Amino acid sequence: MTLPETNRNTIWKARLSKNINQLSDSRGLMLEGRLTRMVGLTLEAVGCRAAIGGQCDVISSSGDVIESEVVGFSGESLYLMPTGDIRGLEQDARVVPTGRVCEAVVGEELLGRVIDGAGRPLDGKGPLQATQRRTLTGKVFNPLSRSPIREPLDVGVRAINALLTVGRGQRLGLFAGSGVGKSVLLGMMTRYTNADVTVVGLIGERGREVKEFVENNLGPEGLARAVVVAVPADHAPLRRMHGAMLATSIAEYFRDQGLQVLLLMDSLTRYAQAQREIGLAINEPPATKGYPPSVFAKLPQLVERAGNGEKGAGSITAFYTVLTEGDDQNDPIADAARAILDGHFVLSRQLAESGHYPAIDIEASISRAMNDIATPEHRQAAIAFKQLYSIYQQNRDLINVGAYQAGSDERIDAAIEAMPILLEFLRQDMHVPEPLGQSLSDLMKLFPQPKTEIVSA
């Protein structure tokens, strides 16, 4: 039976329309490209399209797959940065866009685990059971929706609790050169804090330090309620950046569950250096001491993700270590970090070399949220402590060479008399916690507040 011509035309039009719609819908189509150039760690591909941040698989002739991410483009060329080993790649290797973006695996199953920058376990405890996923870039907060910083956080360190009180949701920098005890101080805060969950990001440090931090500084007790993201210095720069973003995404997950989270990242400088490697590799011009402008744009994007959540949610109190090369406090990254953080603690090499631990330079350190969370009596006692300490330091050279005559200045006399007590207050054994309440009580004993007398009419 032959269909009428009108019906045949209708069927052909329907089929043609369907085919046109399928061709116009490019979501299911992924054009393969080929690798044309490789300089340093930068891969250049042509013949394919992908968005910034999209993942691509670079496939060698032997079938090895190298994961990479789109970090830039120019004309018809895509600039890719690999996240793993690139040995075995050759010219004209296949480049296949996957249509995916890097995601973070999150969930309570991560507690007590050590993972790498891709979310893979490093501790030999078997595969991760977490199935929830989040984007590595997080979400942008309306600044007016954040809860204000009103409650103190106990970090278990007397000098910080009493003189540089930290608030829940505060973001602080730990400024230190190499070998002055920043990792040990981070370990103390991890073990002794009263936060519900601790997330530790070991970014770009020596691989040997990862095992030492987990076993010695963190310990079984600290690891039980912590998540460690470890990306040593021998990993690709993009993987190091992903490690910092992954640690922040995990902290965000626990914050959204209403928990109080302590985020410790060692270090913010290595994160900036990883972005510098990427920026310079794609021909971004250096701006400040070799750092391209993108570095100073990436830093606040990472740091601003920490802090208090919306009303009723939890908080992320973050400590970022900042390496001051040559103990230069005006290093570009140190200077930029000070501007975007809510305070900074400076570790002194001179104090560390004299056996003073923790080597916190009280004069050079500040907590900008302390005035909002400390009582008037607490603030007055902390100011009195710092004034005596500062007076002694300003006249230390005169005192040490014997040029100062006792009785010349009663303030200096009081500082000389009090200095041994002040130094003893600032010292603390790394294995002995000092709770917040005890820290404040010890400070008030040193500087008791005068009682106000009630005069009857």
Protein backbone atom coordinates (compact mmCIF):
# COMPACT_ATOMS: atom_id res chain seq x y z
CA MET A 1 0.00 0.00 0.00
CA THR A 2 1.44 3.35 -1.05
CA LEU A 3 1.03 6.32 1.28
CA PRO A 4 -0.40 9.50 -0.16
CA GLU A 5 2.23 12.08 -1.16
CA THR A 6 0.98 14.47 1.54
CA ASN A 7 1.59 11.88 4.29
CA ARG A 8 5.05 11.02 2.93
CA ASN A 9 6.03 14.70 2.97
CA THR A 10 4.82 15.03 6.55
CA ILE A 11 6.88 12.02 7.68
CA TRP A 12 10.02 13.25 5.92
CA LYS A 13 9.63 16.74 7.42
CA ALA A 14 9.29 15.23 10.89
CA ARG A 15 12.44 13.11 10.42
CA LEU A 16 14.37 16.06 9.01
CA SER A 17 13.30 18.29 11.92
CA LYS A 18 14.38 15.62 14.41
CA ASN A 19 17.81 15.28 12.80
CA ILE A 20 18.29 19.05 12.72
CA ASN A 21 17.43 19.28 16.43
CA GLN A 22 19.91 16.53 17.26
CA LEU A 23 22.66 18.26 15.31
CA SER A 24 21.92 21.63 16.91
CA ASP A 25 22.05 20.12 20.39
CA SER A 26 25.82 19.93 20.91
CA ARG A 27 25.62 18.93 24.56
CA GLY A 28 26.21 15.29 23.74
CA LEU A 29 28.92 16.00 21.17
CA MET A 30 32.54 16.21 22.26
CA LEU A 31 35.05 17.02 19.52
CA GLU A 32 38.48 15.54 20.05
CA GLY A 33 41.49 17.74 19.59
CA ARG A 34 45.18 17.09 19.35
CA LEU A 35 48.21 18.19 21.31
CA THR A 36 50.34 20.63 19.33
CA ARG A 37 52.72 22.15 21.82
CA MET A 38 54.15 21.57 25.25
CA VAL A 39 56.38 24.05 27.10
CA GLY A 40 57.22 23.32 30.71
CA LEU A 41 53.97 22.12 32.23
CA THR A 42 51.71 23.91 29.75
CA LEU A 43 49.93 21.86 27.11
CA GLU A 44 48.49 23.52 23.99
CA ALA A 45 45.69 21.80 22.07
CA VAL A 46 43.70 22.64 18.94
CA GLY A 47 40.56 21.19 17.41
CA CYS A 48 38.43 21.03 20.56
CA ARG A 49 36.45 23.40 22.74
CA ALA A 50 36.10 23.48 26.52
CA ALA A 51 35.32 26.08 29.18
CA ILE A 52 37.81 27.45 31.69
CA GLY A 53 38.02 24.95 34.55
CA GLY A 54 36.77 22.08 32.37
CA GLN A 55 38.57 18.75 32.44
CA CYS A 56 40.22 17.12 29.45
CA ASP A 57 41.86 13.71 29.05
CA VAL A 58 45.11 13.71 27.10
CA ILE A 59 45.62 10.21 25.67
CA SER A 60 49.05 9.09 24.53
CA SER A 61 49.71 6.53 21.79
CA SER A 62 50.32 3.89 24.47
CA GLY A 63 46.85 4.50 25.90
CA ASP A 64 47.96 6.35 29.06
CA VAL A 65 45.44 8.99 30.18
CA ILE A 66 46.70 12.24 31.72
CA GLU A 67 44.05 14.35 33.42
CA SER A 68 44.30 18.07 32.72
CA GLU A 69 42.31 21.25 33.23
CA VAL A 70 41.68 24.20 30.92
CA VAL A 71 43.45 27.26 32.34
CA GLY A 72 43.35 29.58 29.32
CA PHE A 73 42.85 29.93 25.59
CA SER A 74 44.08 32.04 22.69
CA GLY A 75 42.37 31.98 19.30
CA GLU A 76 41.77 28.33 18.42
CA SER A 77 44.23 27.02 21.02
CA LEU A 78 43.40 25.72 24.48
CA TYR A 79 45.95 25.95 27.28
CA LEU A 80 45.85 22.92 29.58
CA MET A 81 47.59 22.21 32.86
CA PRO A 82 48.08 18.55 33.84
CA THR A 83 47.25 17.32 37.33
CA GLY A 84 49.59 14.32 37.22
CA ASP A 85 52.70 12.88 35.60
CA ILE A 86 53.19 13.90 31.94
CA ARG A 87 55.89 11.42 30.99
CA GLY A 88 55.07 9.55 27.78
CA LEU A 89 53.21 12.37 26.04
CA GLU A 90 54.09 13.03 22.43
CA GLN A 91 53.04 15.40 19.68
CA ASP A 92 49.53 14.95 18.23
CA ALA A 93 48.28 13.08 21.30
CA ARG A 94 44.49 12.96 21.50
CA VAL A 95 42.79 15.59 23.68
CA VAL A 96 39.26 14.62 24.74
CA PRO A 97 37.07 17.12 26.65
CA THR A 98 35.11 15.24 29.32
CA GLY A 99 32.47 17.88 30.01
CA ARG A 100 33.22 17.62 33.74
CA VAL A 101 34.72 20.00 36.27
CA CYS A 102 36.80 19.07 39.29
CA GLU A 103 34.67 18.25 42.32
CA ALA A 104 35.26 17.60 46.00
CA VAL A 105 34.13 14.42 47.74
CA VAL A 106 32.60 15.37 51.10
CA GLY A 107 30.85 13.63 53.97
CA GLU A 108 31.27 12.49 57.57
CA GLU A 109 33.08 9.41 56.25
CA LEU A 110 36.16 11.62 55.75
CA LEU A 111 36.73 12.04 59.50
CA GLY A 112 39.96 10.36 60.56
CA ARG A 113 41.20 10.03 56.98
CA VAL A 114 44.20 11.38 55.06
CA ILE A 115 43.53 12.12 51.38
CA ASP A 116 45.36 13.74 48.46
CA GLY A 117 44.34 16.71 46.33
CA ALA A 118 42.08 14.53 44.16
CA GLY A 119 40.24 13.11 47.17
CA ARG A 120 41.98 9.71 47.02
CA PRO A 121 42.95 8.03 50.34
CA LEU A 122 46.61 8.01 51.36
CA ASP A 123 46.31 6.27 54.74
CA GLY A 124 45.80 2.67 53.59
CA LYS A 125 42.46 2.39 55.40
CA GLY A 126 40.56 1.34 52.32
CA PRO A 127 38.40 3.26 49.85
CA LEU A 128 36.35 6.27 50.91
CA GLN A 129 32.67 5.61 51.43
CA ALA A 130 31.64 9.26 50.95
CA THR A 131 29.41 9.82 47.92
CA GLN A 132 28.41 13.48 48.23
CA ARG A 133 30.14 15.92 45.89
CA ARG A 134 30.66 19.66 45.75
CA THR A 135 32.40 22.02 43.39
CA LEU A 136 35.92 22.98 44.35
CA THR A 137 35.19 26.67 43.88
CA GLY A 138 32.50 26.88 46.57
CA LYS A 139 29.73 29.47 46.61
CA VAL A 140 29.83 33.25 46.99
CA PHE A 141 28.32 34.58 50.20
CA ASN A 142 26.28 37.73 50.55
CA PRO A 143 28.41 39.54 53.17
CA LEU A 144 25.28 40.79 54.93
CA SER A 145 24.00 37.25 55.45
CA ARG A 146 27.01 36.13 57.50
CA SER A 147 26.68 35.90 61.27
CA PRO A 148 28.97 38.34 63.14
CA ILE A 149 31.92 37.11 65.20
CA ARG A 150 30.70 37.13 68.80
CA GLU A 151 32.02 33.97 70.51
CA PRO A 152 35.63 33.04 71.36
CA LEU A 153 37.25 29.82 70.17
CA ASP A 154 39.50 27.91 72.55
CA VAL A 155 42.69 26.85 70.75
CA GLY A 156 44.45 25.45 73.82
CA VAL A 157 47.40 27.90 73.64
CA ARG A 158 47.65 30.31 76.60
CA ALA A 159 49.34 33.19 74.77
CA ILE A 160 46.67 33.15 72.05
CA ASN A 161 43.68 32.57 74.32
CA ALA A 162 44.62 35.36 76.73
CA LEU A 163 46.34 38.02 74.62
CA LEU A 164 45.24 37.33 71.02
CA THR A 165 41.79 35.84 71.56
CA VAL A 166 40.36 34.15 68.48
CA GLY A 167 36.66 34.37 67.59
CA ARG A 168 34.58 31.69 65.91
CA GLY A 169 34.61 32.45 62.20
CA GLN A 170 37.78 34.52 62.28
CA ARG A 171 40.50 34.15 59.62
CA LEU A 172 44.06 34.60 60.77
CA GLY A 173 47.55 34.33 59.36
CA LEU A 174 50.46 32.58 61.05
CA PHE A 175 53.51 34.46 59.72
CA ALA A 176 56.78 32.62 60.12
CA GLY A 177 60.07 31.80 58.47
CA SER A 178 61.29 28.25 58.12
CA GLY A 179 62.05 26.25 61.24
CA VAL A 180 60.42 28.40 63.93
CA GLY A 181 57.75 25.93 65.04
CA LYS A 182 54.64 26.77 63.02
CA SER A 183 53.80 23.11 62.31
CA VAL A 184 54.08 22.20 65.98
CA LEU A 185 51.83 25.14 66.91
CA LEU A 186 49.28 24.01 64.32
CA GLY A 187 49.39 20.52 65.81
CA MET A 188 48.72 21.91 69.29
CA MET A 189 45.69 23.84 68.08
CA THR A 190 44.41 20.76 66.26
CA ARG A 191 44.63 18.55 69.35
CA TYR A 192 43.42 21.02 71.98
CA THR A 193 40.78 23.13 70.23
CA ASN A 194 37.13 22.87 71.26
CA ALA A 195 35.98 23.00 67.62
CA ASP A 196 33.78 20.11 66.48
CA VAL A 197 35.84 19.24 63.38
CA THR A 198 39.35 20.13 62.22
CA VAL A 199 40.36 20.19 58.56
CA VAL A 200 44.10 20.34 57.85
CA GLY A 201 45.50 21.25 54.44
CA LEU A 202 49.21 20.44 53.99
CA ILE A 203 49.85 22.19 50.69
CA GLY A 204 53.20 22.22 48.93
CA GLU A 205 55.27 21.20 51.94
CA ARG A 206 57.87 18.45 52.21
CA GLY A 207 56.47 14.94 51.92
CA ARG A 208 58.36 13.87 55.06
CA GLU A 209 56.41 16.44 57.08
CA VAL A 210 53.06 14.88 56.20
CA LYS A 211 53.74 11.64 58.08
CA GLU A 212 55.40 13.50 60.97
CA PHE A 213 52.47 15.90 61.29
CA VAL A 214 49.86 13.12 61.29
CA GLU A 215 51.71 10.86 63.74
CA ASN A 216 53.53 13.32 66.01
CA ASN A 217 51.75 16.66 65.91
CA LEU A 218 48.20 15.46 65.32
CA GLY A 219 48.23 12.08 67.05
CA PRO A 220 45.42 9.49 67.17
CA GLU A 221 43.22 11.73 69.34
CA GLY A 222 43.47 14.71 67.02
CA LEU A 223 43.09 12.64 63.84
CA ALA A 224 39.85 11.04 65.08
CA ARG A 225 37.91 14.29 64.51
CA ALA A 226 40.02 15.68 61.71
CA VAL A 227 40.41 15.43 57.94
CA VAL A 228 43.89 15.85 56.45
CA VAL A 229 44.41 16.87 52.82
CA ALA A 230 48.06 16.33 51.87
CA VAL A 231 49.56 17.55 48.58
CA PRO A 232 53.39 17.62 48.89
CA ALA A 233 55.68 19.88 46.90
CA ASP A 234 56.45 17.28 44.20
CA HIS A 235 52.85 17.36 42.92
CA ALA A 236 51.79 19.43 39.90
CA PRO A 237 50.96 23.08 40.69
CA LEU A 238 47.33 22.62 39.67
CA ARG A 239 46.99 19.67 42.08
CA ARG A 240 48.46 21.79 44.89
CA MET A 241 45.85 24.46 44.23
CA HIS A 242 43.13 21.81 44.13
CA GLY A 243 44.32 20.55 47.52
CA ALA A 244 43.77 23.94 49.15
CA MET A 245 40.36 24.28 47.49
CA LEU A 246 39.42 20.70 48.49
CA ALA A 247 40.27 21.35 52.15
CA THR A 248 38.12 24.48 52.07
CA SER A 249 35.21 22.63 50.39
CA ILE A 250 35.33 19.94 53.09
CA ALA A 251 35.31 22.62 55.80
CA GLU A 252 32.32 24.27 54.08
CA TYR A 253 30.41 20.98 54.13
CA PHE A 254 30.81 20.56 57.89
CA ARG A 255 29.97 24.24 58.45
CA ASP A 256 26.73 23.79 56.53
CA GLN A 257 25.88 20.93 58.91
CA GLY A 258 25.90 23.47 61.76
CA LEU A 259 29.32 22.44 63.14
CA GLN A 260 32.17 24.62 64.39
CA VAL A 261 35.13 23.92 62.09
CA LEU A 262 38.81 24.76 62.53
CA LEU A 263 40.60 25.00 59.17
CA LEU A 264 44.41 24.90 59.28
CA MET A 265 46.22 25.45 56.00
CA ASP A 266 49.99 25.12 55.67
CA SER A 267 50.66 27.11 53.66
CA LEU A 268 48.96 30.00 51.87
CA THR A 269 52.31 30.94 50.34
CA ARG A 270 52.64 27.56 48.57
CA TYR A 271 49.14 28.05 47.16
CA ALA A 272 50.20 31.43 45.78
CA GLN A 273 53.41 29.98 44.36
CA ALA A 274 51.42 27.25 42.57
CA GLN A 275 49.25 29.90 40.93
CA ARG A 276 52.39 31.83 40.01
CA GLU A 277 53.77 28.76 38.21
CA ILE A 278 50.52 28.40 36.27
CA GLY A 279 50.24 32.10 35.45
CA LEU A 280 53.80 32.43 34.19
CA ALA A 281 53.48 29.19 32.19
CA ILE A 282 50.59 30.66 30.14
CA ASN A 283 52.53 33.90 29.54
CA GLU A 284 50.83 36.05 32.16
CA PRO A 285 53.10 39.04 32.87
CA PRO A 286 54.81 39.15 36.27
CA ALA A 287 53.80 42.12 38.39
CA THR A 288 55.29 42.10 41.90
CA LYS A 289 58.53 40.20 42.50
CA GLY A 290 57.59 37.65 39.88
CA TYR A 291 53.98 37.18 41.01
CA PRO A 292 51.42 37.74 38.22
CA PRO A 293 48.17 39.62 38.97
CA SER A 294 46.09 36.43 39.05
CA VAL A 295 47.82 35.41 42.29
CA PHE A 296 46.45 38.42 44.13
CA ALA A 297 42.99 37.70 42.72
CA LYS A 298 43.06 34.03 43.78
CA LEU A 299 44.06 34.69 47.41
CA PRO A 300 40.87 36.49 48.51
CA GLN A 301 38.74 34.03 46.54
CA LEU A 302 40.13 31.24 48.72
CA VAL A 303 40.21 33.09 52.05
CA GLU A 304 36.73 34.62 51.78
CA ARG A 305 35.19 31.14 51.68
CA ALA A 306 36.05 30.68 55.35
CA GLY A 307 34.24 32.48 58.16
CA ASN A 308 30.79 32.28 59.70
CA GLY A 309 27.91 30.91 57.71
CA GLU A 310 24.41 32.27 57.53
CA LYS A 311 22.38 32.65 60.71
CA GLY A 312 21.82 29.26 62.29
CA ALA A 313 24.69 27.62 60.43
CA GLY A 314 28.15 26.77 61.74
CA SER A 315 31.47 28.52 61.29
CA ILE A 316 34.94 28.05 59.82
CA THR A 317 37.74 29.52 61.91
CA ALA A 318 40.78 29.47 59.63
CA PHE A 319 44.52 29.69 60.27
CA TYR A 320 46.71 30.15 57.19
CA THR A 321 50.46 29.91 57.55
CA VAL A 322 52.38 32.47 55.52
CA LEU A 323 56.06 31.85 54.84
CA THR A 324 58.12 35.02 55.15
CA GLU A 325 61.22 34.28 53.09
CA GLY A 326 64.28 35.61 54.86
CA ASP A 327 61.93 36.71 57.70
CA ASP A 328 60.82 39.57 55.44
CA GLN A 329 57.43 40.73 56.72
CA ASN A 330 56.99 42.87 53.58
CA ASP A 331 57.07 39.90 51.22
CA PRO A 332 54.32 40.42 48.56
CA ILE A 333 52.26 37.43 49.71
CA ALA A 334 52.66 38.34 53.39
CA ASP A 335 51.62 41.92 52.66
CA ALA A 336 48.59 40.82 50.62
CA ALA A 337 47.56 38.25 53.26
CA ARG A 338 47.64 40.82 56.07
CA ALA A 339 45.18 42.98 54.13
CA ILE A 340 42.56 40.23 53.67
CA LEU A 341 42.84 38.40 57.01
CA ASP A 342 41.25 39.26 60.36
CA GLY A 343 44.55 39.27 62.22
CA HIS A 344 48.04 37.81 62.17
CA PHE A 345 50.36 36.02 64.58
CA VAL A 346 54.08 36.48 63.96
CA LEU A 347 56.54 33.81 65.06
CA SER A 348 59.94 35.20 65.99
CA ARG A 349 63.13 33.40 64.98
CA GLN A 350 64.98 35.09 67.84
CA LEU A 351 62.53 33.68 70.40
CA ALA A 352 62.66 30.23 68.78
CA GLU A 353 66.46 30.17 68.86
CA SER A 354 66.44 31.12 72.55
CA GLY A 355 64.26 28.11 73.38
CA HIS A 356 61.09 30.12 73.93
CA TYR A 357 58.02 28.16 72.80
CA PRO A 358 55.61 29.00 71.33
CA ALA A 359 57.72 31.71 69.69
CA ILE A 360 54.86 34.22 69.26
CA ASP A 361 55.97 37.83 68.97
CA ILE A 362 53.25 39.51 71.05
CA GLU A 363 54.23 43.02 69.92
CA ALA A 364 53.94 42.25 66.21
CA SER A 365 50.76 40.13 66.47
CA ILE A 366 47.12 41.21 66.56
CA SER A 367 43.64 39.71 66.60
CA ARG A 368 41.24 42.20 65.05
CA ALA A 369 38.16 40.47 66.45
CA MET A 370 39.35 40.45 70.06
CA ASN A 371 37.66 43.75 70.97
CA ASP A 372 34.29 42.30 69.92
CA ILE A 373 34.53 39.09 71.94
CA ALA A 374 36.55 40.01 75.07
CA THR A 375 35.12 41.57 78.22
CA PRO A 376 36.34 45.05 79.28
CA GLU A 377 38.31 43.52 82.16
CA HIS A 378 39.97 41.04 79.80
CA ARG A 379 40.93 43.81 77.36
CA GLN A 380 42.40 45.99 80.10
CA ALA A 381 44.49 43.12 81.47
CA ALA A 382 45.78 42.24 77.96
CA ILE A 383 46.68 45.89 77.30
CA ALA A 384 48.53 46.13 80.61
CA PHE A 385 50.47 42.95 79.78
CA LYS A 386 51.46 44.22 76.32
CA GLN A 387 52.48 47.64 77.64
CA LEU A 388 54.87 46.19 80.20
CA TYR A 389 56.28 43.75 77.67
CA SER A 390 56.75 46.50 75.07
CA ILE A 391 58.44 48.89 77.53
CA TYR A 392 61.02 46.24 78.36
CA GLN A 393 61.68 45.41 74.71
CA GLN A 394 62.14 49.08 73.80
CA ASN A 395 64.78 49.50 76.51
CA ARG A 396 66.29 46.02 76.34
CA ASP A 397 69.63 47.14 74.91
CA LEU A 398 70.13 49.73 77.67
CA ILE A 399 69.20 47.18 80.31
CA ASN A 400 71.46 44.44 78.94
CA VAL A 401 74.59 46.61 78.75
CA GLY A 402 73.96 48.07 82.21
CA ALA A 403 73.40 51.61 80.94
CA TYR A 404 70.05 51.93 82.69
CA GLN A 405 70.10 53.09 86.30
CA ALA A 406 67.40 51.66 88.54
CA GLY A 407 64.97 54.32 89.72
CA SER A 408 65.32 56.52 86.62
CA ASP A 409 61.90 55.53 85.26
CA GLU A 410 59.31 53.73 87.35
CA ARG A 411 57.71 52.22 84.24
CA ILE A 412 61.00 50.59 83.20
CA ASP A 413 61.56 49.43 86.77
CA ALA A 414 58.13 47.78 86.78
CA ALA A 415 58.83 46.15 83.38
CA ILE A 416 62.21 44.76 84.57
CA GLU A 417 60.60 43.30 87.67
CA ALA A 418 57.67 41.78 85.78
CA MET A 419 59.59 40.44 82.75
CA PRO A 420 60.41 36.96 84.17
CA ILE A 421 56.74 36.49 85.05
CA LEU A 422 55.60 37.68 81.63
CA LEU A 423 57.98 35.33 79.83
CA GLU A 424 56.85 32.41 81.96
CA PHE A 425 53.23 33.21 81.11
CA LEU A 426 54.04 33.17 77.36
CA ARG A 427 55.85 29.82 77.51
CA GLN A 428 53.91 26.57 77.25
CA ASP A 429 54.78 22.90 76.90
CA MET A 430 53.54 21.58 73.56
CA HIS A 431 52.04 18.52 75.28
CA VAL A 432 50.08 20.48 77.91
CA PRO A 433 46.87 22.25 76.83
CA GLU A 434 45.76 25.50 78.42
CA PRO A 435 41.97 25.95 78.22
CA LEU A 436 40.49 29.36 77.53
CA GLY A 437 39.00 29.77 81.01
CA GLN A 438 42.29 28.90 82.72
CA SER A 439 44.22 31.23 80.39
CA LEU A 440 42.00 34.17 81.30
CA SER A 441 42.17 33.32 85.00
CA ASP A 442 46.00 33.28 84.89
CA LEU A 443 46.03 36.64 83.10
CA MET A 444 43.66 38.25 85.59
CA LYS A 445 45.85 37.04 88.48
CA LEU A 446 48.79 38.93 86.97
CA PHE A 447 46.75 42.10 86.42
CA PRO A 448 43.79 42.12 88.83
CA GLN A 449 41.24 44.84 88.14
CA PRO A 450 40.61 47.41 90.89
CA LYS A 451 37.29 46.97 92.63
CA THR A 452 34.84 49.85 92.39
CA GLU A 453 33.82 51.11 95.80
CA ILE A 454 30.20 52.01 96.36
CA VAL A 455 29.91 55.31 98.21
CA SER A 456 26.66 55.81 100.03
CA ALA A 457 24.93 59.16 99.76
